[in-house]
Amino acid sequence: MFSDNNVNRLTTIQCLRNTGFGIEIIRNYFELSSENAVELKDRYLIILEHEELLLQKKMILKNNLLLFKILNLNMKKI
């Protein structure tokens, strides 16, 4: 039987993987103890850095989609 801690850890791993975290980053994330305030801050910084990366990727995808739509509209005029 899994403890609540095991289930929470597995759920966290799944969430991190679903947002594109690599295995090494996830391992590093869990190596930082949640009991130490400095290490807790480091875990938070990992999340913030990844969020920034995802926001940048989102902007690139959004721009590419817009460009595709513009090009597609221009092709229909030809």
PDB file of N, CA and C in Angstrom:
ATOM      1  N   MET A   1       0.840  -1.181   0.000  1.00  0.00           N
ATOM      2  CA  MET A   1       0.000   0.000   0.000  1.00  0.00           C
ATOM      3  C   MET A   1       0.887   1.247   0.000  1.00  0.00           C
ATOM      4  N   PHE A   2       0.474   2.243  -0.734  1.00  0.00           N
ATOM      5  CA  PHE A   2       1.226   3.493  -0.793  1.00  0.00           C
ATOM      6  C   PHE A   2       0.782   4.443   0.312  1.00  0.00           C
ATOM      7  N   SER A   3       1.750   5.137   0.893  1.00  0.00           N
ATOM      8  CA  SER A   3       1.421   6.150   1.892  1.00  0.00           C
ATOM      9  C   SER A   3       0.974   7.422   1.173  1.00  0.00           C
ATOM     10  N   ASP A   4       0.386   8.330   1.920  1.00  0.00           N
ATOM     11  CA  ASP A   4      -0.012   9.620   1.331  1.00  0.00           C
ATOM     12  C   ASP A   4       1.207  10.341   0.757  1.00  0.00           C
ATOM     13  N   ASN A   5       2.338  10.219   1.436  1.00  0.00           N
ATOM     14  CA  ASN A   5       3.565  10.857   0.971  1.00  0.00           C
ATOM     15  C   ASN A   5       3.989  10.281  -0.380  1.00  0.00           C
ATOM     16  N   ASN A   6       3.900   8.943  -0.528  1.00  0.00           N
ATOM     17  CA  ASN A   6       4.243   8.309  -1.805  1.00  0.00           C
ATOM     18  C   ASN A   6       3.324   8.782  -2.924  1.00  0.00           C
ATOM     19  N   VAL A   7       2.045   8.835  -2.643  1.00  0.00           N
ATOM     20  CA  VAL A   7       1.066   9.264  -3.645  1.00  0.00           C
ATOM     21  C   VAL A   7       1.314  10.720  -4.030  1.00  0.00           C
ATOM     22  N   ASN A   8       1.574  11.569  -3.047  1.00  0.00           N
ATOM     23  CA  ASN A   8       1.856  12.985  -3.331  1.00  0.00           C
ATOM     24  C   ASN A   8       3.112  13.130  -4.175  1.00  0.00           C
ATOM     25  N   ARG A   9       4.136  12.344  -3.867  1.00  0.00           N
ATOM     26  CA  ARG A   9       5.382  12.415  -4.624  1.00  0.00           C
ATOM     27  C   ARG A   9       5.156  11.956  -6.068  1.00  0.00           C
ATOM     28  N   LEU A  10       4.436  10.864  -6.244  1.00  0.00           N
ATOM     29  CA  LEU A  10       4.150  10.376  -7.602  1.00  0.00           C
ATOM     30  C   LEU A  10       3.298  11.359  -8.398  1.00  0.00           C
ATOM     31  N   THR A  11       2.337  11.976  -7.738  1.00  0.00           N
ATOM     32  CA  THR A  11       1.499  12.981  -8.398  1.00  0.00           C
ATOM     33  C   THR A  11       2.339  14.180  -8.822  1.00  0.00           C
ATOM     34  N   THR A  12       3.251  14.596  -7.946  1.00  0.00           N
ATOM     35  CA  THR A  12       4.133  15.722  -8.271  1.00  0.00           C
ATOM     36  C   THR A  12       5.029  15.376  -9.452  1.00  0.00           C
ATOM     37  N   ILE A  13       5.588  14.179  -9.444  1.00  0.00           N
ATOM     38  CA  ILE A  13       6.435  13.740 -10.559  1.00  0.00           C
ATOM     39  C   ILE A  13       5.640  13.753 -11.864  1.00  0.00           C
ATOM     40  N   GLN A  14       4.431  13.252 -11.834  1.00  0.00           N
ATOM     41  CA  GLN A  14       3.593  13.234 -13.035  1.00  0.00           C
ATOM     42  C   GLN A  14       3.319  14.650 -13.527  1.00  0.00           C
ATOM     43  N   CYS A  15       3.009  15.559 -12.628  1.00  0.00           N
ATOM     44  CA  CYS A  15       2.754  16.951 -13.019  1.00  0.00           C
ATOM     45  C   CYS A  15       4.003  17.586 -13.628  1.00  0.00           C
ATOM     46  N   LEU A  16       5.153  17.352 -13.010  1.00  0.00           N
ATOM     47  CA  LEU A  16       6.394  17.916 -13.531  1.00  0.00           C
ATOM     48  C   LEU A  16       6.711  17.352 -14.913  1.00  0.00           C
ATOM     49  N   ARG A  17       6.539  16.049 -15.098  1.00  0.00           N
ATOM     50  CA  ARG A  17       6.786  15.432 -16.405  1.00  0.00           C
ATOM     51  C   ARG A  17       5.817  15.967 -17.457  1.00  0.00           C
ATOM     52  N   ASN A  18       4.561  16.164 -17.064  1.00  0.00           N
ATOM     53  CA  ASN A  18       3.560  16.657 -18.018  1.00  0.00           C
ATOM     54  C   ASN A  18       3.852  18.074 -18.494  1.00  0.00           C
ATOM     55  N   THR A  19       4.640  18.822 -17.741  1.00  0.00           N
ATOM     56  CA  THR A  19       5.002  20.170 -18.173  1.00  0.00           C
ATOM     57  C   THR A  19       6.383  20.217 -18.806  1.00  0.00           C
ATOM     58  N   GLY A  20       6.994  19.039 -19.006  1.00  0.00           N
ATOM     59  CA  GLY A  20       8.250  18.982 -19.747  1.00  0.00           C
ATOM     60  C   GLY A  20       9.504  18.926 -18.911  1.00  0.00           C
ATOM     61  N   PHE A  21       9.389  18.756 -17.601  1.00  0.00           N
ATOM     62  CA  PHE A  21      10.583  18.623 -16.774  1.00  0.00           C
ATOM     63  C   PHE A  21      11.330  17.350 -17.157  1.00  0.00           C
ATOM     64  N   GLY A  22      12.647  17.448 -17.236  1.00  0.00           N
ATOM     65  CA  GLY A  22      13.465  16.276 -17.468  1.00  0.00           C
ATOM     66  C   GLY A  22      13.682  15.502 -16.172  1.00  0.00           C
ATOM     67  N   ILE A  23      14.092  14.263 -16.315  1.00  0.00           N
ATOM     68  CA  ILE A  23      14.302  13.391 -15.158  1.00  0.00           C
ATOM     69  C   ILE A  23      15.355  13.970 -14.211  1.00  0.00           C
ATOM     70  N   GLU A  24      16.437  14.498 -14.759  1.00  0.00           N
ATOM     71  CA  GLU A  24      17.491  15.057 -13.905  1.00  0.00           C
ATOM     72  C   GLU A  24      16.991  16.241 -13.076  1.00  0.00           C
ATOM     73  N   ILE A  25      16.187  17.089 -13.686  1.00  0.00           N
ATOM     74  CA  ILE A  25      15.655  18.243 -12.959  1.00  0.00           C
ATOM     75  C   ILE A  25      14.693  17.766 -11.869  1.00  0.00           C
ATOM     76  N   ILE A  26      13.889  16.759 -12.174  1.00  0.00           N
ATOM     77  CA  ILE A  26      12.968  16.219 -11.172  1.00  0.00           C
ATOM     78  C   ILE A  26      13.753  15.612 -10.013  1.00  0.00           C
ATOM     79  N   ARG A  27      14.802  14.888 -10.337  1.00  0.00           N
ATOM     80  CA  ARG A  27      15.644  14.299  -9.290  1.00  0.00           C
ATOM     81  C   ARG A  27      16.240  15.401  -8.416  1.00  0.00           C
ATOM     82  N   ASN A  28      16.751  16.438  -9.044  1.00  0.00           N
ATOM     83  CA  ASN A  28      17.320  17.566  -8.315  1.00  0.00           C
ATOM     84  C   ASN A  28      16.255  18.231  -7.439  1.00  0.00           C
ATOM     85  N   TYR A  29      15.058  18.374  -7.970  1.00  0.00           N
ATOM     86  CA  TYR A  29      13.949  18.984  -7.241  1.00  0.00           C
ATOM     87  C   TYR A  29      13.676  18.232  -5.948  1.00  0.00           C
ATOM     88  N   PHE A  30      13.648  16.910  -6.010  1.00  0.00           N
ATOM     89  CA  PHE A  30      13.342  16.111  -4.829  1.00  0.00           C
ATOM     90  C   PHE A  30      14.529  15.951  -3.891  1.00  0.00           C
ATOM     91  N   GLU A  31      15.737  16.149  -4.412  1.00  0.00           N
ATOM     92  CA  GLU A  31      16.912  16.090  -3.544  1.00  0.00           C
ATOM     93  C   GLU A  31      16.963  17.283  -2.600  1.00  0.00           C
ATOM     94  N   LEU A  32      16.341  18.380  -3.003  1.00  0.00           N
ATOM     95  CA  LEU A  32      16.291  19.556  -2.142  1.00  0.00           C
ATOM     96  C   LEU A  32      15.256  19.305  -1.056  1.00  0.00           C
ATOM     97  N   SER A  33      15.691  19.309   0.156  1.00  0.00           N
ATOM     98  CA  SER A  33      14.810  19.000   1.285  1.00  0.00           C
ATOM     99  C   SER A  33      13.807  20.120   1.498  1.00  0.00           C
ATOM    100  N   SER A  34      12.562  19.752   1.749  1.00  0.00           N
ATOM    101  CA  SER A  34      11.520  20.760   1.979  1.00  0.00           C
ATOM    102  C   SER A  34      11.565  21.306   3.401  1.00  0.00           C
ATOM    103  N   GLU A  35      12.448  20.776   4.238  1.00  0.00           N
ATOM    104  CA  GLU A  35      12.535  21.237   5.618  1.00  0.00           C
ATOM    105  C   GLU A  35      13.430  22.460   5.756  1.00  0.00           C
ATOM    106  N   ASN A  36      14.342  22.645   4.856  1.00  0.00           N
ATOM    107  CA  ASN A  36      15.282  23.750   4.911  1.00  0.00           C
ATOM    108  C   ASN A  36      14.739  24.902   4.067  1.00  0.00           C
ATOM    109  N   ALA A  37      14.629  26.078   4.655  1.00  0.00           N
ATOM    110  CA  ALA A  37      14.033  27.230   3.965  1.00  0.00           C
ATOM    111  C   ALA A  37      14.825  27.611   2.716  1.00  0.00           C
ATOM    112  N   VAL A  38      16.146  27.513   2.767  1.00  0.00           N
ATOM    113  CA  VAL A  38      16.972  27.859   1.603  1.00  0.00           C
ATOM    114  C   VAL A  38      16.692  26.874   0.469  1.00  0.00           C
ATOM    115  N   GLU A  39      16.619  25.595   0.792  1.00  0.00           N
ATOM    116  CA  GLU A  39      16.361  24.590  -0.226  1.00  0.00           C
ATOM    117  C   GLU A  39      14.935  24.680  -0.747  1.00  0.00           C
ATOM    118  N   LEU A  40      14.016  25.072   0.108  1.00  0.00           N
ATOM    119  CA  LEU A  40      12.638  25.280  -0.331  1.00  0.00           C
ATOM    120  C   LEU A  40      12.594  26.419  -1.349  1.00  0.00           C
ATOM    121  N   LYS A  41      13.373  27.466  -1.087  1.00  0.00           N
ATOM    122  CA  LYS A  41      13.468  28.573  -2.043  1.00  0.00           C
ATOM    123  C   LYS A  41      14.054  28.093  -3.366  1.00  0.00           C
ATOM    124  N   ASP A  42      15.053  27.217  -3.288  1.00  0.00           N
ATOM    125  CA  ASP A  42      15.665  26.671  -4.504  1.00  0.00           C
ATOM    126  C   ASP A  42      14.651  25.866  -5.315  1.00  0.00           C
ATOM    127  N   ARG A  43      13.800  25.091  -4.623  1.00  0.00           N
ATOM    128  CA  ARG A  43      12.757  24.335  -5.320  1.00  0.00           C
ATOM    129  C   ARG A  43      11.791  25.289  -6.006  1.00  0.00           C
ATOM    130  N   TYR A  44      11.442  26.356  -5.327  1.00  0.00           N
ATOM    131  CA  TYR A  44      10.544  27.359  -5.897  1.00  0.00           C
ATOM    132  C   TYR A  44      11.175  28.006  -7.127  1.00  0.00           C
ATOM    133  N   LEU A  45      12.474  28.283  -7.060  1.00  0.00           N
ATOM    134  CA  LEU A  45      13.175  28.881  -8.198  1.00  0.00           C
ATOM    135  C   LEU A  45      13.193  27.936  -9.402  1.00  0.00           C
ATOM    136  N   ILE A  46      13.311  26.639  -9.155  1.00  0.00           N
ATOM    137  CA  ILE A  46      13.251  25.662 -10.244  1.00  0.00           C
ATOM    138  C   ILE A  46      11.909  25.777 -10.960  1.00  0.00           C
ATOM    139  N   ILE A  47      10.842  25.871 -10.186  1.00  0.00           N
ATOM    140  CA  ILE A  47       9.498  25.988 -10.763  1.00  0.00           C
ATOM    141  C   ILE A  47       9.363  27.299 -11.537  1.00  0.00           C
ATOM    142  N   LEU A  48       9.850  28.398 -10.959  1.00  0.00           N
ATOM    143  CA  LEU A  48       9.742  29.698 -11.634  1.00  0.00           C
ATOM    144  C   LEU A  48      10.525  29.718 -12.947  1.00  0.00           C
ATOM    145  N   GLU A  49      11.727  29.158 -12.938  1.00  0.00           N
ATOM    146  CA  GLU A  49      12.536  29.112 -14.159  1.00  0.00           C
ATOM    147  C   GLU A  49      11.852  28.281 -15.241  1.00  0.00           C
ATOM    148  N   HIS A  50      11.268  27.183 -14.832  1.00  0.00           N
ATOM    149  CA  HIS A  50      10.569  26.338 -15.802  1.00  0.00           C
ATOM    150  C   HIS A  50       9.320  27.041 -16.338  1.00  0.00           C
ATOM    151  N   GLU A  51       8.634  27.753 -15.460  1.00  0.00           N
ATOM    152  CA  GLU A  51       7.453  28.502 -15.896  1.00  0.00           C
ATOM    153  C   GLU A  51       7.841  29.540 -16.943  1.00  0.00           C
ATOM    154  N   GLU A  52       8.943  30.231 -16.717  1.00  0.00           N
ATOM    155  CA  GLU A  52       9.410  31.232 -17.678  1.00  0.00           C
ATOM    156  C   GLU A  52       9.736  30.587 -19.020  1.00  0.00           C
ATOM    157  N   LEU A  53      10.379  29.440 -18.980  1.00  0.00           N
ATOM    158  CA  LEU A  53      10.699  28.712 -20.204  1.00  0.00           C
ATOM    159  C   LEU A  53       9.427  28.319 -20.944  1.00  0.00           C
ATOM    160  N   LEU A  54       8.422  27.823 -20.210  1.00  0.00           N
ATOM    161  CA  LEU A  54       7.156  27.439 -20.836  1.00  0.00           C
ATOM    162  C   LEU A  54       6.437  28.644 -21.431  1.00  0.00           C
ATOM    163  N   LEU A  55       6.493  29.785 -20.754  1.00  0.00           N
ATOM    164  CA  LEU A  55       5.860  30.995 -21.283  1.00  0.00           C
ATOM    165  C   LEU A  55       6.547  31.452 -22.571  1.00  0.00           C
ATOM    166  N   GLN A  56       7.872  31.321 -22.613  1.00  0.00           N
ATOM    167  CA  GLN A  56       8.605  31.664 -23.835  1.00  0.00           C
ATOM    168  C   GLN A  56       8.212  30.723 -24.977  1.00  0.00           C
ATOM    169  N   LYS A  57       8.126  29.426 -24.685  1.00  0.00           N
ATOM    170  CA  LYS A  57       7.719  28.459 -25.710  1.00  0.00           C
ATOM    171  C   LYS A  57       6.293  28.732 -26.189  1.00  0.00           C
ATOM    172  N   LYS A  58       5.437  29.109 -25.256  1.00  0.00           N
ATOM    173  CA  LYS A  58       4.056  29.423 -25.611  1.00  0.00           C
ATOM    174  C   LYS A  58       4.011  30.606 -26.574  1.00  0.00           C
ATOM    175  N   MET A  59       4.805  31.619 -26.305  1.00  0.00           N
ATOM    176  CA  MET A  59       4.844  32.805 -27.171  1.00  0.00           C
ATOM    177  C   MET A  59       5.349  32.437 -28.559  1.00  0.00           C
ATOM    178  N   ILE A  60       6.368  31.594 -28.633  1.00  0.00           N
ATOM    179  CA  ILE A  60       6.899  31.160 -29.926  1.00  0.00           C
ATOM    180  C   ILE A  60       5.835  30.390 -30.697  1.00  0.00           C
ATOM    181  N   LEU A  61       5.149  29.478 -30.018  1.00  0.00           N
ATOM    182  CA  LEU A  61       4.081  28.708 -30.678  1.00  0.00           C
ATOM    183  C   LEU A  61       2.956  29.614 -31.157  1.00  0.00           C
ATOM    184  N   LYS A  62       2.598  30.572 -30.335  1.00  0.00           N
ATOM    185  CA  LYS A  62       1.530  31.516 -30.694  1.00  0.00           C
ATOM    186  C   LYS A  62       1.920  32.319 -31.934  1.00  0.00           C
ATOM    187  N   ASN A  63       3.154  32.790 -31.966  1.00  0.00           N
ATOM    188  CA  ASN A  63       3.639  33.565 -33.116  1.00  0.00           C
ATOM    189  C   ASN A  63       3.693  32.699 -34.375  1.00  0.00           C
ATOM    190  N   ASN A  64       4.143  31.453 -34.223  1.00  0.00           N
ATOM    191  CA  ASN A  64       4.196  30.557 -35.379  1.00  0.00           C
ATOM    192  C   ASN A  64       2.802  30.246 -35.910  1.00  0.00           C
ATOM    193  N   LEU A  65       1.855  30.076 -35.021  1.00  0.00           N
ATOM    194  CA  LEU A  65       0.482  29.810 -35.436  1.00  0.00           C
ATOM    195  C   LEU A  65      -0.084  31.018 -36.185  1.00  0.00           C
ATOM    196  N   LEU A  66       0.166  32.203 -35.683  1.00  0.00           N
ATOM    197  CA  LEU A  66      -0.295  33.423 -36.347  1.00  0.00           C
ATOM    198  C   LEU A  66       0.330  33.544 -37.737  1.00  0.00           C
ATOM    199  N   LEU A  67       1.628  33.289 -37.827  1.00  0.00           N
ATOM    200  CA  LEU A  67       2.312  33.336 -39.122  1.00  0.00           C
ATOM    201  C   LEU A  67       1.722  32.303 -40.083  1.00  0.00           C
ATOM    202  N   PHE A  68       1.450  31.105 -39.591  1.00  0.00           N
ATOM    203  CA  PHE A  68       0.848  30.067 -40.418  1.00  0.00           C
ATOM    204  C   PHE A  68      -0.512  30.512 -40.943  1.00  0.00           C
ATOM    205  N   LYS A  69      -1.319  31.120 -40.082  1.00  0.00           N
ATOM    206  CA  LYS A  69      -2.645  31.590 -40.505  1.00  0.00           C
ATOM    207  C   LYS A  69      -2.520  32.678 -41.563  1.00  0.00           C
ATOM    208  N   ILE A  70      -1.584  33.587 -41.376  1.00  0.00           N
ATOM    209  CA  ILE A  70      -1.386  34.665 -42.347  1.00  0.00           C
ATOM    210  C   ILE A  70      -0.954  34.086 -43.684  1.00  0.00           C
ATOM    211  N   LEU A  71      -0.001  33.172 -43.658  1.00  0.00           N
ATOM    212  CA  LEU A  71       0.485  32.552 -44.898  1.00  0.00           C
ATOM    213  C   LEU A  71      -0.613  31.760 -45.570  1.00  0.00           C
ATOM    214  N   ASN A  72      -1.423  31.095 -44.786  1.00  0.00           N
ATOM    215  CA  ASN A  72      -2.526  30.311 -45.331  1.00  0.00           C
ATOM    216  C   ASN A  72      -3.555  31.209 -45.998  1.00  0.00           C
ATOM    217  N   LEU A  73      -3.852  32.354 -45.410  1.00  0.00           N
ATOM    218  CA  LEU A  73      -4.793  33.296 -45.999  1.00  0.00           C
ATOM    219  C   LEU A  73      -4.236  33.854 -47.318  1.00  0.00           C
ATOM    220  N   ASN A  74      -2.948  34.144 -47.332  1.00  0.00           N
ATOM    221  CA  ASN A  74      -2.332  34.649 -48.554  1.00  0.00           C
ATOM    222  C   ASN A  74      -2.336  33.620 -49.665  1.00  0.00           C
ATOM    223  N   MET A  75      -2.192  32.353 -49.315  1.00  0.00           N
ATOM    224  CA  MET A  75      -2.200  31.277 -50.320  1.00  0.00           C
ATOM    225  C   MET A  75      -3.604  31.143 -50.934  1.00  0.00           C
ATOM    226  N   LYS A  76      -4.627  31.401 -50.143  1.00  0.00           N
ATOM    227  CA  LYS A  76      -6.004  31.284 -50.652  1.00  0.00           C
ATOM    228  C   LYS A  76      -6.304  32.373 -51.673  1.00  0.00           C
ATOM    229  N   LYS A  77      -5.605  33.508 -51.581  1.00  0.00           N
ATOM    230  CA  LYS A  77      -5.828  34.626 -52.501  1.00  0.00           C
ATOM    231  C   LYS A  77      -5.200  34.374 -53.861  1.00  0.00           C
ATOM    232  N   ILE A  78      -4.239  33.476 -53.915  1.00  0.00           N
ATOM    233  CA  ILE A  78      -3.521  33.206 -55.175  1.00  0.00           C
ATOM    234  C   ILE A  78      -4.334  32.364 -56.113  1.00  0.00           C
TER     235      ILE A  78
END
